[in-house]
């Protein structure tokens, strides 16, 4: 067994982490955990692969006021947990790889500088993704770090899916449709090769439904198109992001409402989506529990957009063999899955309500022309896989 690989998935108020052992060139998860509530109600928790609790500690807000303090607390615990073991490498999720990076890359200061230039394209995610990378570069410059990009899985899109109808000079500057959630989609595509090999070579739409949400059209395991574009604002409505929006709305906010760029950015990233529509919450669980009219509107709009975009991607694929639900809402929201499948029943997709309610892996009824599946995604495993491959190549 070689030295373990650490995976970090850092957000604005949380850091997910997993440690993988490498046994006979295969990955085995040793433990996984999360630091969340950073700056408000911080907690560090971790469980071993067998479910044993390794740590479950609350902190005062002042003790973990920002992501830097959270990373320091995590590093201290990891040092004790590893008991003198060295890390082979650290793999990171980075949301935006821009036009520069179409595959995972070993990190150095030049790579970081390039990725910082993409912060305006992913202001909600990129700074948090880069925070642990920069900290480790300063503290442990000899430690191998690997950046794995949410955009990379989509970089082989053809010109029709890749471009906006804008002048060429904008495309050359990087204004194009990147697509996101690529690590999740790549994991689902690989998983299908063993769980549903017939679908793995077919035409599939994968619905990554969570606080961030998107759809991906996959044909024979490769991304063909996605609902997200230049930034993670596009496509489906999300927890606090609007999804598809007429660019004229931005002009209206600028010219008629006198809003500044930062004000518009805050509105679109933090006050829109399910939260803006409902006036209740950005959490689907809260919406399902509420009898407020806005909550029902937000639910219906979310489902409407998923069904509409699924049909659009089916046309891109030239047909549809399967629909896969994944991520938080996709894996745990039977109400959303049922409503989406009902709207797509015209495609001869027939739901098995009992299978759906018990979260079965196959939720379509026998004889349904389109298979509907629920598959748990694992972005961290995908990151570890890429990190191990790059280490092996080196």
Protein backbone atom coordinates (compact mmCIF):
# COMPACT_ATOMS: atom_id res chain seq x y z
CA UNK A 1 0.00 0.00 0.00
CA UNK A 2 1.42 3.38 -1.03
CA UNK A 3 0.93 6.74 0.64
CA UNK A 4 -2.71 7.92 0.68
CA UNK A 5 -4.39 10.55 -1.50
CA UNK A 6 -6.38 13.39 0.07
CA UNK A 7 -9.26 14.98 -1.82
CA UNK A 8 -10.46 18.49 -0.96
CA UNK A 9 -13.68 20.03 -2.27
CA UNK A 10 -13.78 23.55 -0.83
CA UNK A 11 -16.80 25.84 -0.96
CA UNK A 12 -17.53 29.26 0.49
CA UNK A 13 -18.81 27.92 3.82
CA UNK A 14 -17.72 24.28 3.81
CA UNK A 15 -14.86 21.95 2.94
CA UNK A 16 -15.54 18.32 2.03
CA UNK A 17 -12.61 15.95 2.35
CA UNK A 18 -11.89 12.29 1.74
CA UNK A 19 -8.82 10.13 2.20
CA UNK A 20 -8.13 7.24 -0.15
CA UNK A 21 -5.61 4.45 0.24
CA UNK A 22 -4.01 3.04 -2.90
CA UNK A 23 -4.02 -0.76 -2.72
CA UNK A 24 -2.74 -2.72 -5.71
CA UNK A 25 -3.24 0.37 -7.89
CA UNK A 26 -6.89 0.65 -6.78
CA UNK A 27 -8.52 3.29 -4.58
CA UNK A 28 -10.03 2.39 -1.22
CA UNK A 29 -11.77 5.08 0.83
CA UNK A 30 -10.39 5.27 4.39
CA UNK A 31 -12.55 8.11 5.68
CA UNK A 32 -14.62 11.08 4.58
CA UNK A 33 -15.77 14.20 6.32
CA UNK A 34 -16.77 17.82 6.15
CA UNK A 35 -16.13 21.15 7.79
CA UNK A 36 -19.31 23.18 7.46
CA UNK A 37 -21.02 26.21 8.98
CA UNK A 38 -17.79 28.19 8.62
CA UNK A 39 -18.24 31.63 10.22
CA UNK A 40 -21.63 30.81 11.71
CA UNK A 41 -21.93 27.40 13.38
CA UNK A 42 -18.70 25.57 12.51
CA UNK A 43 -18.49 21.81 12.81
CA UNK A 44 -15.81 19.29 11.86
CA UNK A 45 -17.06 15.75 11.35
CA UNK A 46 -15.61 12.63 9.79
CA UNK A 47 -16.49 8.95 9.48
CA UNK A 48 -14.41 5.93 8.62
CA UNK A 49 -15.35 3.75 5.67
CA UNK A 50 -17.14 1.37 8.07
CA UNK A 51 -19.27 4.21 9.45
CA UNK A 52 -17.36 4.69 12.72
CA UNK A 53 -17.35 8.31 13.87
CA UNK A 54 -13.81 9.70 13.95
CA UNK A 55 -14.63 13.25 14.98
CA UNK A 56 -17.79 15.32 15.51
CA UNK A 57 -16.74 18.62 17.05
CA UNK A 58 -18.49 21.99 17.17
CA UNK A 59 -16.54 25.25 17.23
CA UNK A 60 -17.32 28.81 18.20
CA UNK A 61 -17.88 31.06 15.20
CA UNK A 62 -14.82 33.13 16.10
CA UNK A 63 -12.63 30.00 16.16
CA UNK A 64 -13.46 29.26 12.54
CA UNK A 65 -14.42 32.62 11.12
CA UNK A 66 -13.23 32.00 7.57
CA UNK A 67 -12.07 29.26 5.25
CA UNK A 68 -8.44 29.83 6.19
CA UNK A 69 -9.15 29.05 9.84
CA UNK A 70 -11.22 26.04 8.77
CA UNK A 71 -8.33 24.70 6.70
CA UNK A 72 -5.95 25.14 9.64
CA UNK A 73 -8.30 23.19 11.94
CA UNK A 74 -8.70 20.47 9.31
CA UNK A 75 -4.96 20.24 8.78
CA UNK A 76 -4.36 19.85 12.52
CA UNK A 77 -6.91 17.02 12.74
CA UNK A 78 -5.57 15.31 9.63
CA UNK A 79 -2.03 15.43 11.01
CA UNK A 80 -3.20 13.56 14.10
CA UNK A 81 -5.38 11.18 12.10
CA UNK A 82 -2.53 10.25 9.79
CA UNK A 83 -0.17 9.64 12.69
CA UNK A 84 2.98 10.53 10.82
CA UNK A 85 1.90 9.11 7.44
CA UNK A 86 2.79 11.24 4.46
CA UNK A 87 0.32 12.18 1.76
CA UNK A 88 1.13 11.09 -1.77
CA UNK A 89 -0.88 13.96 -3.23
CA UNK A 90 -3.91 16.18 -2.78
CA UNK A 91 -6.63 16.37 -5.44
CA UNK A 92 -8.88 19.43 -5.65
CA UNK A 93 -12.17 20.23 -7.30
CA UNK A 94 -11.87 23.45 -9.31
CA UNK A 95 -15.10 24.62 -10.90
CA UNK A 96 -13.73 26.57 -13.87
CA UNK A 97 -10.82 25.50 -16.05
CA UNK A 98 -11.56 28.06 -18.76
CA UNK A 99 -10.37 27.41 -22.33
CA UNK A 100 -6.90 26.59 -21.04
CA UNK A 101 -7.53 23.32 -19.20
CA UNK A 102 -9.37 20.40 -20.79
CA UNK A 103 -8.07 17.75 -18.38
CA UNK A 104 -6.73 17.53 -14.80
CA UNK A 105 -3.35 19.15 -14.22
CA UNK A 106 -0.56 19.14 -11.64
CA UNK A 107 -0.61 22.50 -9.89
CA UNK A 108 2.17 25.08 -9.73
CA UNK A 109 2.18 28.85 -9.28
CA UNK A 110 1.62 29.45 -13.00
CA UNK A 111 -1.46 27.22 -12.99
CA UNK A 112 -2.84 29.08 -9.97
CA UNK A 113 -2.30 32.43 -11.69
CA UNK A 114 -4.24 31.22 -14.73
CA UNK A 115 -7.08 29.86 -12.60
CA UNK A 116 -7.34 33.12 -10.67
CA UNK A 117 -8.07 34.85 -13.97
CA UNK A 118 -11.28 32.78 -14.17
CA UNK A 119 -12.64 34.01 -10.82
CA UNK A 120 -15.06 36.44 -12.57
CA UNK A 121 -16.54 33.43 -14.43
CA UNK A 122 -17.27 31.55 -11.19
CA UNK A 123 -17.24 34.08 -8.34
CA UNK A 124 -19.31 31.86 -6.08
CA UNK A 125 -16.92 28.90 -6.35
CA UNK A 126 -13.47 29.62 -7.79
CA UNK A 127 -12.01 31.67 -4.88
CA UNK A 128 -13.00 28.97 -2.39
CA UNK A 129 -11.62 26.21 -4.63
CA UNK A 130 -8.28 28.02 -4.86
CA UNK A 131 -7.95 28.87 -1.15
CA UNK A 132 -6.64 25.45 0.01
CA UNK A 133 -4.45 25.13 -3.10
CA UNK A 134 -2.66 28.40 -2.37
CA UNK A 135 -2.37 27.61 1.33
CA UNK A 136 -0.76 24.22 0.66
CA UNK A 137 1.57 25.72 -1.96
CA UNK A 138 2.86 28.06 0.73
CA UNK A 139 2.97 25.52 3.57
CA UNK A 140 4.05 22.37 1.71
CA UNK A 141 5.47 23.41 -1.68
CA UNK A 142 6.81 19.91 -2.42
CA UNK A 143 3.41 18.22 -1.96
CA UNK A 144 1.88 17.19 -5.30
CA UNK A 145 -1.46 18.89 -5.90
CA UNK A 146 -3.82 18.15 -8.77
CA UNK A 147 -6.65 20.36 -10.04
CA UNK A 148 -9.68 18.55 -11.48
CA UNK A 149 -12.12 20.74 -13.39
CA UNK A 150 -15.90 20.72 -13.56
CA UNK A 151 -15.60 22.05 -17.10
CA UNK A 152 -13.21 19.41 -18.45
CA UNK A 153 -15.76 16.68 -19.25
CA UNK A 154 -17.51 19.06 -21.66
CA UNK A 155 -14.51 20.39 -23.54
CA UNK A 156 -15.00 18.07 -26.53
CA UNK A 157 -18.35 19.65 -27.45
CA UNK A 158 -18.81 20.45 -31.11
CA UNK A 159 -18.96 24.04 -32.30
CA UNK A 160 -22.77 24.18 -32.28
CA UNK A 161 -22.91 23.32 -28.57
CA UNK A 162 -19.77 25.26 -27.67
CA UNK A 163 -20.53 28.68 -29.11
CA UNK A 164 -22.75 31.68 -28.52
CA UNK A 165 -23.94 33.74 -31.50
CA UNK A 166 -21.44 36.53 -30.80
CA UNK A 167 -18.45 37.84 -32.79
CA UNK A 168 -15.40 35.62 -33.17
CA UNK A 169 -13.16 37.87 -31.08
CA UNK A 170 -15.29 37.17 -28.03
CA UNK A 171 -15.01 33.42 -28.60
CA UNK A 172 -11.24 33.74 -28.94
CA UNK A 173 -11.19 35.55 -25.58
CA UNK A 174 -12.96 32.59 -23.99
CA UNK A 175 -16.63 33.60 -24.16
CA UNK A 176 -18.10 30.19 -24.88
CA UNK A 177 -20.36 27.52 -23.34
CA UNK A 178 -18.22 25.52 -20.94
CA UNK A 179 -20.73 23.44 -18.99
CA UNK A 180 -20.20 22.43 -15.35
CA UNK A 181 -20.76 19.54 -12.89
CA UNK A 182 -18.41 17.62 -15.18
CA UNK A 183 -16.85 15.52 -12.43
CA UNK A 184 -20.32 14.31 -11.44
CA UNK A 185 -21.29 13.54 -15.03
CA UNK A 186 -18.01 11.75 -15.69
CA UNK A 187 -18.60 9.55 -12.63
CA UNK A 188 -22.14 8.71 -13.77
CA UNK A 189 -20.93 7.88 -17.29
CA UNK A 190 -18.32 5.50 -15.87
CA UNK A 191 -20.76 3.94 -13.41
CA UNK A 192 -23.22 3.18 -16.20
CA UNK A 193 -20.66 0.92 -17.86
CA UNK A 194 -21.13 -1.57 -15.02
CA UNK A 195 -24.64 -0.84 -13.67
CA UNK A 196 -26.40 -0.38 -17.02
CA UNK A 197 -24.02 -1.25 -19.88
CA UNK A 198 -26.79 -0.96 -22.45
CA UNK A 199 -27.35 2.67 -21.46
CA UNK A 200 -23.62 3.37 -21.24
CA UNK A 201 -23.41 3.09 -25.03
CA UNK A 202 -26.73 4.82 -25.61
CA UNK A 203 -28.32 8.26 -25.43
CA UNK A 204 -28.73 9.50 -21.86
CA UNK A 205 -29.68 12.72 -20.13
CA UNK A 206 -28.24 13.02 -16.62
CA UNK A 207 -29.98 15.40 -14.22
CA UNK A 208 -27.60 16.71 -11.55
CA UNK A 209 -30.14 18.31 -9.23
CA UNK A 210 -29.00 20.03 -6.07
CA UNK A 211 -28.44 23.56 -4.84
CA UNK A 212 -26.64 23.87 -8.16
CA UNK A 213 -28.48 22.11 -10.97
CA UNK A 214 -27.86 21.22 -14.58
CA UNK A 215 -28.51 18.58 -17.23
CA UNK A 216 -26.02 16.85 -19.50
CA UNK A 217 -26.64 15.01 -22.75
CA UNK A 218 -24.30 12.00 -22.91
CA UNK A 219 -23.89 9.75 -25.94
CA UNK A 220 -21.76 6.62 -25.67
CA UNK A 221 -20.16 7.98 -22.51
CA UNK A 222 -19.21 11.41 -23.88
CA UNK A 223 -20.73 14.79 -23.15
CA UNK A 224 -22.56 16.19 -26.17
CA UNK A 225 -24.26 19.25 -24.64
CA UNK A 226 -25.15 20.73 -21.26
CA UNK A 227 -27.62 23.27 -19.93
CA UNK A 228 -24.92 25.35 -18.23
CA UNK A 229 -22.84 27.70 -20.33
CA UNK A 230 -20.29 30.49 -19.80
CA UNK A 231 -20.89 30.58 -16.05
CA UNK A 232 -22.74 28.48 -13.48
CA UNK A 233 -25.73 30.85 -13.75
CA UNK A 234 -27.13 29.36 -16.94
CA UNK A 235 -29.67 26.62 -17.62
CA UNK A 236 -31.94 25.27 -14.89
CA UNK A 237 -33.16 27.36 -11.95
CA UNK A 238 -31.13 26.55 -8.85
CA UNK A 239 -31.26 27.23 -5.13
CA UNK A 240 -30.33 30.89 -5.44
CA UNK A 241 -29.42 31.23 -9.15
CA UNK A 242 -31.97 31.96 -11.88
CA UNK A 243 -30.82 29.66 -14.66
CA UNK A 244 -31.61 30.76 -18.21
CA UNK A 245 -32.17 34.52 -18.33
CA UNK A 246 -32.74 36.94 -21.19
CA UNK A 247 -29.63 39.14 -21.41
CA UNK A 248 -32.02 42.07 -21.75
CA UNK A 249 -32.89 41.66 -18.07
CA UNK A 250 -29.29 42.56 -17.21
CA UNK A 251 -29.48 45.64 -19.44
CA UNK A 252 -32.74 46.61 -17.73
CA UNK A 253 -31.18 46.30 -14.28
CA UNK A 254 -28.21 48.39 -15.40
CA UNK A 255 -30.01 51.12 -17.30
CA UNK A 256 -33.45 51.38 -15.72
CA UNK A 257 -32.80 50.31 -12.14
CA UNK A 258 -29.31 51.81 -11.90
CA UNK A 259 -27.87 48.69 -10.30
CA UNK A 260 -24.11 48.24 -10.18
CA UNK A 261 -22.24 45.15 -11.37
CA UNK A 262 -21.68 43.85 -7.82
CA UNK A 263 -25.36 44.42 -6.98
CA UNK A 264 -26.49 42.46 -10.04
CA UNK A 265 -23.99 39.72 -9.28
CA UNK A 266 -25.37 39.40 -5.74
CA UNK A 267 -28.94 39.31 -7.03
CA UNK A 268 -28.19 36.57 -9.57
CA UNK A 269 -26.00 34.39 -7.36
CA UNK A 270 -27.70 34.79 -3.98
CA UNK A 271 -31.29 36.06 -4.28
CA UNK A 272 -32.76 34.36 -7.34
CA UNK A 273 -33.70 30.78 -8.27
CA UNK A 274 -35.95 28.84 -5.91
CA UNK A 275 -35.33 31.39 -3.17
CA UNK A 276 -36.38 34.32 -5.34
CA UNK A 277 -39.39 32.58 -6.84
CA UNK A 278 -40.73 31.20 -3.59
CA UNK A 279 -39.93 33.99 -1.19
CA UNK A 280 -39.59 31.10 1.27
CA UNK A 281 -36.31 29.20 0.89
CA UNK A 282 -33.67 27.92 -1.49
CA UNK A 283 -34.03 24.42 -0.01
CA UNK A 284 -36.38 22.02 -1.79
CA UNK A 285 -37.20 20.32 1.51
CA UNK A 286 -38.51 23.60 2.90
CA UNK A 287 -40.56 24.21 -0.24
CA UNK A 288 -42.17 20.77 -0.03
CA UNK A 289 -43.08 21.40 3.61
CA UNK A 290 -44.54 24.86 2.94
CA UNK A 291 -48.10 25.74 1.94
CA UNK A 292 -47.08 29.17 0.66
CA UNK A 293 -48.16 29.81 -2.96
CA UNK A 294 -44.61 30.83 -3.84
CA UNK A 295 -43.28 27.48 -2.67
CA UNK A 296 -45.56 25.62 -5.08
CA UNK A 297 -44.64 28.01 -7.88
CA UNK A 298 -40.92 27.39 -7.32
CA UNK A 299 -41.43 23.61 -7.28
CA UNK A 300 -43.52 23.67 -10.45
CA UNK A 301 -41.08 25.98 -12.24
CA UNK A 302 -38.12 23.79 -11.32
CA UNK A 303 -39.87 20.69 -12.68
CA UNK A 304 -41.09 22.54 -15.79
CA UNK A 305 -37.59 23.66 -16.69
CA UNK A 306 -36.07 20.21 -16.09
CA UNK A 307 -38.64 18.55 -18.35
CA UNK A 308 -38.31 21.23 -21.03
CA UNK A 309 -34.51 21.05 -21.13
CA UNK A 310 -34.54 17.24 -21.06
CA UNK A 311 -36.69 17.22 -24.18
CA UNK A 312 -34.35 19.75 -25.82
CA UNK A 313 -31.30 17.61 -25.06
CA UNK A 314 -33.13 14.52 -26.34
CA UNK A 315 -33.48 16.30 -29.67
CA UNK A 316 -29.73 17.04 -29.66
CA UNK A 317 -29.04 13.35 -29.01
CA UNK A 318 -31.49 12.24 -31.69
CA UNK A 319 -33.51 10.24 -29.20
CA UNK A 320 -33.42 9.19 -25.57
CA UNK A 321 -32.69 5.82 -23.99
CA UNK A 322 -32.32 6.82 -20.35
CA UNK A 323 -32.76 9.56 -17.77
CA UNK A 324 -30.51 9.47 -14.70
CA UNK A 325 -31.21 11.48 -11.53
CA UNK A 326 -28.28 12.33 -9.26
CA UNK A 327 -27.02 14.80 -6.59
CA UNK A 328 -28.95 15.94 -3.50
CA UNK A 329 -32.43 16.51 -4.93
CA UNK A 330 -32.01 13.95 -7.68
CA UNK A 331 -31.02 11.21 -5.24
CA UNK A 332 -33.35 12.12 -2.35
CA UNK A 333 -36.31 13.94 -3.92
CA UNK A 334 -38.95 11.41 -5.06
CA UNK A 335 -41.51 14.20 -5.47
CA UNK A 336 -39.31 16.00 -8.00
CA UNK A 337 -38.47 12.79 -9.85
CA UNK A 338 -42.14 11.81 -10.08
CA UNK A 339 -43.20 15.22 -11.36
CA UNK A 340 -40.44 15.30 -13.99
CA UNK A 341 -41.28 11.81 -15.23
CA UNK A 342 -44.96 12.72 -15.41
CA UNK A 343 -44.15 15.68 -17.64
CA UNK A 344 -42.03 13.40 -19.84
CA UNK A 345 -44.62 10.65 -20.08
CA UNK A 346 -45.31 11.71 -23.69
CA UNK A 347 -41.88 10.22 -24.48
CA UNK A 348 -43.23 6.86 -23.27
CA UNK A 349 -41.36 7.18 -19.98
CA UNK A 350 -43.43 5.32 -17.38
CA UNK A 351 -42.57 5.68 -13.70
CA UNK A 352 -42.82 2.90 -11.13
CA UNK A 353 -44.19 4.91 -8.15
CA UNK A 354 -43.30 2.30 -5.55
CA UNK A 355 -39.71 2.00 -6.79
CA UNK A 356 -39.43 5.78 -6.86
CA UNK A 357 -40.69 6.17 -3.29
CA UNK A 358 -38.15 3.67 -1.95
CA UNK A 359 -35.31 5.28 -3.93
CA UNK A 360 -34.61 2.20 -6.03
CA UNK A 361 -31.81 2.35 -8.55
CA UNK A 362 -34.28 1.77 -11.41
CA UNK A 363 -37.49 3.80 -11.01
CA UNK A 364 -39.03 3.30 -14.46
CA UNK A 365 -41.72 0.68 -14.83
CA UNK A 366 -41.05 -2.57 -16.71
CA UNK A 367 -41.76 -1.97 -20.36
CA UNK A 368 -41.04 1.77 -20.20
CA UNK A 369 -39.50 2.93 -23.49
CA UNK A 370 -37.05 5.08 -21.52
CA UNK A 371 -35.21 3.83 -18.47
CA UNK A 372 -35.19 6.14 -15.44
CA UNK A 373 -32.44 5.56 -12.89
CA UNK A 374 -31.20 7.02 -9.62
CA UNK A 375 -27.42 6.90 -9.17
CA UNK A 376 -25.48 8.44 -6.29
CA UNK A 377 -22.70 10.62 -7.63
CA UNK A 378 -19.17 10.66 -6.21
CA UNK A 379 -17.12 13.62 -7.37
CA UNK A 380 -14.45 12.98 -4.73
CA UNK A 381 -13.78 9.47 -6.04
CA UNK A 382 -13.45 10.91 -9.54
CA UNK A 383 -10.94 13.48 -8.28
CA UNK A 384 -8.94 10.75 -6.53
CA UNK A 385 -8.98 8.68 -9.74
CA UNK A 386 -7.57 11.55 -11.79
CA UNK A 387 -4.99 12.34 -9.12
CA UNK A 388 -3.78 8.74 -9.01
CA UNK A 389 -3.54 8.63 -12.81
CA UNK A 390 -1.42 11.78 -12.97
CA UNK A 391 0.85 10.48 -10.20
CA UNK A 392 1.27 7.21 -12.10
CA UNK A 393 2.04 9.12 -15.32
CA UNK A 394 4.67 11.17 -13.50
